[in-house]
């Protein structure tokens, strides 16, 4: 049931994101506005992720997820009601980002509760598939609905999905932590130090990955509209990239060759850099689709590695906080990419944010290398 909730939540979230960002792009808005809007949306999500993760540990995962879902429904209704009033629309959109941030840490901690090793990996594989399928559906269906009914079609569907998600949560019981805590603590204490070190590396990589992802979500619509690519094809390109993310995560679950190997992570990030440089020069939808698909390998690797290391390093009573910080790094990357990408796009042209993202990933990779050499590898030797 929790995987269904995950799918429904992301489906609704990206119906919202796609439709609002596309409407703003079609209104011939400056890239700076698109970037600022995405940045504040993501920043609100980052703050609520961190707080929501701790809240789920303290007040219960089910309770936090239910409260977050109610808040999402209220914010969606506000976006729909004020879709023609820009200022109120933007405020409601930002509020929805904060509401969404309270749900994910609770779901991640709830799904991983009482599981270890392969069981936990399988659970998080299913979680990643669920939210990526939600993202695929949100972008694909959102593009189709938007093409027929404008912003209202995707928003009505998002509200219906949120109501179903709330009903699913009501029907799902949260297991008692006290029966599971002792076993999990004993198992994690012995091997959580390497996981903590690699979690820090993965958080840095995740920031860079979502920095680039935010440009696809929040700023690329401006480039895509300028190229004359219709909304349906726009959504399909982004959805295809998420299918690559799912394939990457599935491979990582089946094979453990990537675990605690910094070189694999660095290779994925280098691939992302080359793809972003290519996107800065792309002029056709086919080139965009291929490069987005290849860049999705980096994004899938970064997320699953970060999620695995973060949860492995935490006991059940701390998984909410760990998941919250992990999701917060993602949201902060989304916020930074949207804001600074919007600034540079405003000054130097619509394609330059892709080059900025490539430079940020390269810089962060350098910092990761320093951290790996000074902290991780020195401990191993």
Protein backbone atom coordinates (compact mmCIF):
# COMPACT_ATOMS: atom_id res chain seq x y z
CA UNK A 1 0.00 0.00 0.00
CA UNK A 2 2.86 2.41 0.79
CA UNK A 3 4.28 1.97 -2.70
CA UNK A 4 0.89 2.95 -4.11
CA UNK A 5 0.91 6.05 -1.89
CA UNK A 6 4.40 6.90 -3.15
CA UNK A 7 3.30 6.56 -6.78
CA UNK A 8 0.17 8.64 -6.23
CA UNK A 9 2.06 11.37 -4.35
CA UNK A 10 4.69 11.82 -7.05
CA UNK A 11 2.11 11.53 -9.81
CA UNK A 12 0.17 14.42 -8.29
CA UNK A 13 3.32 16.42 -7.50
CA UNK A 14 4.61 16.39 -11.06
CA UNK A 15 1.22 17.07 -12.56
CA UNK A 16 1.41 20.25 -10.51
CA UNK A 17 5.05 21.08 -11.32
CA UNK A 18 4.70 20.41 -15.04
CA UNK A 19 1.50 22.39 -15.48
CA UNK A 20 2.55 25.47 -13.49
CA UNK A 21 6.04 25.70 -15.00
CA UNK A 22 4.68 25.15 -18.52
CA UNK A 23 2.04 27.85 -18.10
CA UNK A 24 4.63 30.34 -16.86
CA UNK A 25 6.97 29.44 -19.76
CA UNK A 26 4.19 29.87 -22.33
CA UNK A 27 3.45 33.33 -20.95
CA UNK A 28 6.88 34.38 -22.31
CA UNK A 29 8.22 34.83 -18.79
CA UNK A 30 11.87 35.56 -18.14
CA UNK A 31 14.02 32.52 -17.23
CA UNK A 32 14.76 34.32 -13.97
CA UNK A 33 11.09 34.07 -12.96
CA UNK A 34 10.96 30.38 -13.85
CA UNK A 35 14.13 29.78 -11.87
CA UNK A 36 13.07 31.81 -8.85
CA UNK A 37 9.71 30.06 -8.74
CA UNK A 38 11.31 26.63 -8.85
CA UNK A 39 13.96 27.67 -6.32
CA UNK A 40 11.50 28.82 -3.68
CA UNK A 41 9.28 25.77 -4.28
CA UNK A 42 12.27 23.48 -3.71
CA UNK A 43 13.62 25.45 -0.77
CA UNK A 44 10.26 25.18 0.98
CA UNK A 45 10.39 21.44 0.34
CA UNK A 46 13.94 21.19 1.72
CA UNK A 47 12.97 22.83 5.01
CA UNK A 48 9.86 20.69 5.43
CA UNK A 49 11.82 17.53 4.54
CA UNK A 50 14.26 18.13 7.39
CA UNK A 51 11.50 18.99 9.86
CA UNK A 52 9.15 16.29 8.62
CA UNK A 53 11.80 13.60 9.00
CA UNK A 54 12.33 14.44 12.65
CA UNK A 55 8.59 14.77 13.15
CA UNK A 56 7.98 11.29 11.79
CA UNK A 57 10.44 9.84 14.33
CA UNK A 58 8.75 11.72 17.16
CA UNK A 59 5.04 11.75 16.29
CA UNK A 60 4.71 8.74 14.02
CA UNK A 61 5.21 8.15 10.32
CA UNK A 62 1.55 7.55 9.50
CA UNK A 63 0.43 10.70 11.29
CA UNK A 64 2.98 12.90 9.50
CA UNK A 65 2.16 11.40 6.10
CA UNK A 66 -1.59 11.97 6.65
CA UNK A 67 -1.05 15.59 7.71
CA UNK A 68 1.20 16.20 4.71
CA UNK A 69 -1.34 14.71 2.31
CA UNK A 70 -4.11 16.95 3.68
CA UNK A 71 -1.81 19.96 3.23
CA UNK A 72 -1.06 18.93 -0.37
CA UNK A 73 -4.77 18.65 -1.16
CA UNK A 74 -5.44 22.11 0.28
CA UNK A 75 -2.56 23.68 -1.66
CA UNK A 76 -3.67 22.01 -4.92
CA UNK A 77 -7.15 23.42 -4.44
CA UNK A 78 -5.62 26.87 -3.91
CA UNK A 79 -3.49 26.62 -7.06
CA UNK A 80 -6.59 25.61 -9.04
CA UNK A 81 -8.75 28.35 -7.57
CA UNK A 82 -6.21 31.09 -8.29
CA UNK A 83 -4.66 29.77 -11.50
CA UNK A 84 -5.41 33.05 -13.27
CA UNK A 85 -4.05 35.27 -10.46
CA UNK A 86 -0.28 35.09 -10.71
CA UNK A 87 0.78 36.26 -7.26
CA UNK A 88 -1.63 34.02 -5.35
CA UNK A 89 -0.90 31.15 -7.72
CA UNK A 90 2.80 31.39 -6.96
CA UNK A 91 2.20 31.49 -3.20
CA UNK A 92 -0.06 28.42 -3.38
CA UNK A 93 2.50 26.63 -5.56
CA UNK A 94 5.28 27.29 -3.03
CA UNK A 95 3.03 26.11 -0.19
CA UNK A 96 2.47 22.85 -2.04
CA UNK A 97 6.26 22.33 -2.12
CA UNK A 98 6.39 22.63 1.66
CA UNK A 99 3.45 20.24 2.02
CA UNK A 100 5.04 17.60 -0.20
CA UNK A 101 8.26 17.72 1.81
CA UNK A 102 6.50 16.41 4.92
CA UNK A 103 5.39 13.19 3.20
CA UNK A 104 8.51 11.63 1.66
CA UNK A 105 10.71 11.20 4.79
CA UNK A 106 7.83 9.47 6.57
CA UNK A 107 7.25 7.09 3.65
CA UNK A 108 10.96 6.25 3.31
CA UNK A 109 11.38 5.54 7.03
CA UNK A 110 8.11 3.59 7.15
CA UNK A 111 9.04 1.41 4.17
CA UNK A 112 12.49 0.59 5.58
CA UNK A 113 11.36 -0.02 9.15
CA UNK A 114 12.46 -3.40 10.49
CA UNK A 115 14.28 -4.41 7.30
CA UNK A 116 17.98 -5.09 6.83
CA UNK A 117 20.39 -5.80 3.96
CA UNK A 118 18.69 -7.32 0.89
CA UNK A 119 15.19 -6.87 2.30
CA UNK A 120 15.83 -3.16 2.74
CA UNK A 121 17.43 -2.87 -0.69
CA UNK A 122 14.42 -4.56 -2.29
CA UNK A 123 12.03 -2.32 -0.37
CA UNK A 124 13.81 0.81 -1.52
CA UNK A 125 14.03 -0.50 -5.07
CA UNK A 126 10.25 -0.76 -5.06
CA UNK A 127 10.01 2.70 -3.50
CA UNK A 128 12.26 4.21 -6.19
CA UNK A 129 10.32 2.49 -8.95
CA UNK A 130 7.07 3.77 -7.44
CA UNK A 131 8.07 7.43 -7.22
CA UNK A 132 9.78 7.39 -10.60
CA UNK A 133 6.69 5.86 -12.19
CA UNK A 134 4.72 8.62 -10.51
CA UNK A 135 7.08 11.17 -12.03
CA UNK A 136 6.77 9.47 -15.45
CA UNK A 137 2.98 9.52 -15.25
CA UNK A 138 2.92 13.09 -13.97
CA UNK A 139 5.04 14.42 -16.82
CA UNK A 140 3.56 12.27 -19.58
CA UNK A 141 -0.09 12.56 -18.57
CA UNK A 142 0.48 16.16 -17.50
CA UNK A 143 1.73 17.06 -20.97
CA UNK A 144 -1.24 15.32 -22.57
CA UNK A 145 -3.85 16.86 -20.24
CA UNK A 146 -2.25 20.29 -20.49
CA UNK A 147 -2.37 20.12 -24.28
CA UNK A 148 -6.15 19.60 -24.15
CA UNK A 149 -7.35 21.51 -21.06
CA UNK A 150 -4.52 23.83 -20.02
CA UNK A 151 -3.50 24.05 -16.37
CA UNK A 152 -6.88 23.02 -14.92
CA UNK A 153 -6.93 19.47 -16.34
CA UNK A 154 -3.72 18.29 -14.62
CA UNK A 155 -4.71 20.00 -11.34
CA UNK A 156 -8.12 18.32 -11.12
CA UNK A 157 -6.45 14.96 -11.70
CA UNK A 158 -3.78 15.74 -9.07
CA UNK A 159 -6.49 16.48 -6.49
CA UNK A 160 -8.27 13.20 -7.25
CA UNK A 161 -5.02 11.26 -6.87
CA UNK A 162 -4.29 12.97 -3.55
CA UNK A 163 -7.69 11.96 -2.18
CA UNK A 164 -6.98 8.34 -3.14
CA UNK A 165 -3.54 8.56 -1.50
CA UNK A 166 -5.10 9.85 1.73
CA UNK A 167 -7.57 6.95 1.72
CA UNK A 168 -4.74 4.44 1.27
CA UNK A 169 -2.86 5.90 4.23
CA UNK A 170 -5.98 5.64 6.39
CA UNK A 171 -6.20 1.94 5.56
CA UNK A 172 -2.53 1.24 6.35
CA UNK A 173 -1.30 0.49 9.88
CA UNK A 174 2.14 1.53 11.09
CA UNK A 175 4.13 -1.31 12.76
CA UNK A 176 5.21 -0.87 16.34
CA UNK A 177 8.81 0.34 16.55
CA UNK A 178 9.54 -1.17 19.95
CA UNK A 179 9.47 -4.72 18.61
CA UNK A 180 12.04 -3.94 15.93
CA UNK A 181 14.37 -1.41 17.48
CA UNK A 182 16.74 -3.67 19.39
CA UNK A 183 17.56 -5.92 16.45
CA UNK A 184 18.14 -3.04 14.06
CA UNK A 185 20.43 -1.14 16.40
CA UNK A 186 22.66 -4.17 16.94
CA UNK A 187 22.95 -4.85 13.24
CA UNK A 188 23.73 -1.29 12.21
CA UNK A 189 26.26 -0.38 14.87
CA UNK A 190 28.90 -2.75 13.52
CA UNK A 191 28.97 -1.51 9.94
CA UNK A 192 27.48 1.96 9.85
CA UNK A 193 30.77 3.92 9.86
CA UNK A 194 31.63 3.26 6.16
CA UNK A 195 27.99 3.92 5.26
CA UNK A 196 28.12 7.29 7.05
CA UNK A 197 31.25 8.30 5.15
CA UNK A 198 29.82 7.29 1.78
CA UNK A 199 26.47 8.88 2.68
CA UNK A 200 28.25 12.23 2.96
CA UNK A 201 29.83 11.70 -0.45
CA UNK A 202 26.47 10.70 -1.89
CA UNK A 203 24.75 13.78 -0.43
CA UNK A 204 27.28 16.00 -2.21
CA UNK A 205 26.75 14.09 -5.46
CA UNK A 206 22.98 14.27 -4.99
CA UNK A 207 23.12 18.03 -4.67
CA UNK A 208 24.86 18.24 -8.05
CA UNK A 209 22.49 15.73 -9.65
CA UNK A 210 19.37 17.56 -8.55
CA UNK A 211 20.97 20.91 -9.39
CA UNK A 212 20.96 19.69 -12.99
CA UNK A 213 17.55 18.05 -12.59
CA UNK A 214 16.00 21.33 -11.51
CA UNK A 215 17.10 22.90 -14.77
CA UNK A 216 15.20 20.19 -16.64
CA UNK A 217 12.10 20.65 -14.49
CA UNK A 218 12.04 24.43 -14.03
CA UNK A 219 14.15 26.08 -16.78
CA UNK A 220 14.26 23.72 -19.77
CA UNK A 221 10.54 24.41 -20.46
CA UNK A 222 11.59 27.87 -21.67
CA UNK A 223 14.09 26.37 -24.15
CA UNK A 224 11.65 23.66 -25.21
CA UNK A 225 8.86 26.17 -25.86
CA UNK A 226 11.27 28.32 -27.90
CA UNK A 227 12.13 25.27 -30.02
CA UNK A 228 8.45 24.72 -30.75
CA UNK A 229 8.27 21.31 -29.07
CA UNK A 230 4.62 20.59 -28.11
CA UNK A 231 3.61 19.89 -24.51
CA UNK A 232 2.90 16.20 -25.14
CA UNK A 233 6.34 15.53 -26.58
CA UNK A 234 7.93 17.66 -23.83
CA UNK A 235 6.35 15.45 -21.17
CA UNK A 236 7.28 12.27 -23.03
CA UNK A 237 10.97 13.25 -23.20
CA UNK A 238 11.14 13.80 -19.46
CA UNK A 239 9.18 10.61 -18.78
CA UNK A 240 11.57 8.54 -20.89
CA UNK A 241 14.46 9.82 -18.79
CA UNK A 242 12.76 8.56 -15.63
CA UNK A 243 12.42 5.10 -17.18
CA UNK A 244 16.21 5.12 -17.51
CA UNK A 245 16.43 6.10 -13.83
CA UNK A 246 14.30 3.06 -12.94
CA UNK A 247 16.52 0.78 -15.03
CA UNK A 248 19.65 2.14 -13.34
CA UNK A 249 18.21 1.61 -9.87
CA UNK A 250 17.10 -1.93 -10.74
CA UNK A 251 20.63 -2.79 -11.87
CA UNK A 252 22.08 -1.33 -8.67
CA UNK A 253 19.76 -3.50 -6.58
CA UNK A 254 20.68 -6.65 -8.51
CA UNK A 255 24.44 -6.02 -8.54
CA UNK A 256 26.52 -4.76 -5.63
CA UNK A 257 29.64 -3.80 -7.63
CA UNK A 258 28.99 -0.10 -6.99
CA UNK A 259 28.84 -0.25 -3.20
CA UNK A 260 31.62 1.63 -1.41
CA UNK A 261 33.43 2.28 -4.70
CA UNK A 262 33.96 5.96 -5.32
CA UNK A 263 35.21 5.42 -8.89
CA UNK A 264 31.78 4.17 -10.02
CA UNK A 265 30.08 7.24 -8.56
CA UNK A 266 32.64 9.56 -10.19
CA UNK A 267 32.10 7.88 -13.59
CA UNK A 268 28.34 8.44 -13.37
CA UNK A 269 28.88 12.12 -12.57
CA UNK A 270 31.34 12.56 -15.45
CA UNK A 271 28.72 11.11 -17.80
CA UNK A 272 26.26 13.68 -16.46
CA UNK A 273 28.72 16.51 -17.17
CA UNK A 274 29.12 15.47 -20.82
CA UNK A 275 25.34 15.21 -21.24
CA UNK A 276 24.76 18.69 -19.82
CA UNK A 277 27.33 20.17 -22.20
CA UNK A 278 25.51 18.41 -25.03
CA UNK A 279 22.14 19.79 -23.89
CA UNK A 280 23.53 23.32 -24.02
CA UNK A 281 24.05 22.84 -27.77
CA UNK A 282 21.00 20.69 -28.62
CA UNK A 283 18.47 22.12 -31.08
CA UNK A 284 16.17 19.15 -31.77
CA UNK A 285 13.82 17.13 -29.61
CA UNK A 286 15.64 13.90 -30.54
CA UNK A 287 18.94 15.24 -29.22
CA UNK A 288 17.20 16.45 -26.08
CA UNK A 289 15.57 13.06 -25.52
CA UNK A 290 18.82 11.09 -25.94
CA UNK A 291 20.88 13.37 -23.71
CA UNK A 292 18.20 13.49 -21.01
CA UNK A 293 18.09 9.68 -21.04
CA UNK A 294 21.88 9.40 -20.65
CA UNK A 295 21.98 12.02 -17.90
CA UNK A 296 19.32 10.04 -16.06
CA UNK A 297 21.91 7.32 -15.38
CA UNK A 298 23.74 9.77 -13.10
CA UNK A 299 20.55 10.86 -11.38
CA UNK A 300 19.40 7.29 -10.73
CA UNK A 301 22.80 6.27 -9.40
CA UNK A 302 23.13 9.29 -7.12
CA UNK A 303 19.70 8.88 -5.58
CA UNK A 304 19.78 5.14 -4.90
CA UNK A 305 23.33 5.27 -3.54
CA UNK A 306 22.43 8.16 -1.25
CA UNK A 307 19.26 6.46 -0.04
CA UNK A 308 21.08 3.17 0.59
CA UNK A 309 23.98 4.67 2.52
CA UNK A 310 21.76 7.03 4.54
CA UNK A 311 19.34 4.35 5.71
CA UNK A 312 22.07 1.73 6.31
CA UNK A 313 23.80 4.14 8.69
CA UNK A 314 20.64 4.67 10.78
CA UNK A 315 18.55 2.65 13.20
CA UNK A 316 14.77 2.44 12.83
CA UNK A 317 14.24 5.20 15.40
CA UNK A 318 16.46 7.53 13.34
CA UNK A 319 15.44 6.61 9.79
CA UNK A 320 12.97 9.48 9.56
CA UNK A 321 15.62 12.08 10.36
CA UNK A 322 18.17 10.43 8.04
CA UNK A 323 15.63 10.22 5.23
CA UNK A 324 14.63 13.82 5.85
CA UNK A 325 18.19 15.08 5.50
CA UNK A 326 18.69 12.94 2.40
CA UNK A 327 15.56 14.37 0.78
CA UNK A 328 16.54 17.86 1.94
CA UNK A 329 19.85 17.68 0.04
CA UNK A 330 17.87 16.79 -3.07
CA UNK A 331 15.52 19.72 -2.58
CA UNK A 332 18.39 22.12 -1.89
CA UNK A 333 20.02 21.04 -5.15
CA UNK A 334 16.74 21.66 -6.94
CA UNK A 335 16.50 25.08 -5.34
CA UNK A 336 20.08 26.07 -6.17
CA UNK A 337 19.82 24.91 -9.77
CA UNK A 338 16.57 26.75 -10.37
CA UNK A 339 17.76 30.00 -8.78
CA UNK A 340 21.28 30.28 -10.16
CA UNK A 341 20.28 28.69 -13.46
CA UNK A 342 17.57 31.33 -13.78
CA UNK A 343 20.06 34.10 -13.04
CA UNK A 344 22.60 32.94 -15.61
CA UNK A 345 19.86 32.18 -18.14
CA UNK A 346 18.56 35.71 -17.73
CA UNK A 347 22.04 37.19 -18.30
CA UNK A 348 23.64 34.89 -20.87
CA UNK A 349 20.85 33.02 -22.66
CA UNK A 350 18.46 30.14 -22.20
CA UNK A 351 20.99 27.37 -22.92
CA UNK A 352 23.69 28.51 -20.47
CA UNK A 353 22.09 26.99 -17.31
CA UNK A 354 23.09 23.56 -18.64
CA UNK A 355 26.74 24.65 -18.68
CA UNK A 356 26.39 26.03 -15.17
CA UNK A 357 25.08 22.66 -13.96
CA UNK A 358 27.99 20.87 -15.64
CA UNK A 359 30.44 23.17 -13.87
CA UNK A 360 28.74 22.68 -10.50
CA UNK A 361 28.88 18.88 -10.82
CA UNK A 362 32.57 19.09 -11.76
CA UNK A 363 33.33 21.31 -8.75
CA UNK A 364 31.41 19.06 -6.37
CA UNK A 365 33.17 16.02 -7.79
CA UNK A 366 36.49 17.66 -6.92
CA UNK A 367 35.30 18.21 -3.33
CA UNK A 368 34.16 14.59 -3.14
CA UNK A 369 37.59 13.43 -4.29
CA UNK A 370 39.26 15.48 -1.55
CA UNK A 371 36.86 14.10 1.09
CA UNK A 372 37.37 10.55 -0.16
CA UNK A 373 41.16 10.82 -0.05
CA UNK A 374 41.34 12.54 3.35
CA UNK A 375 38.51 10.86 5.26
CA UNK A 376 37.32 7.63 3.62
CA UNK A 377 40.44 6.16 2.08
CA UNK A 378 42.65 7.14 5.02
CA UNK A 379 40.34 5.14 7.34
CA UNK A 380 40.44 2.14 5.02
CA UNK A 381 44.25 2.12 5.07
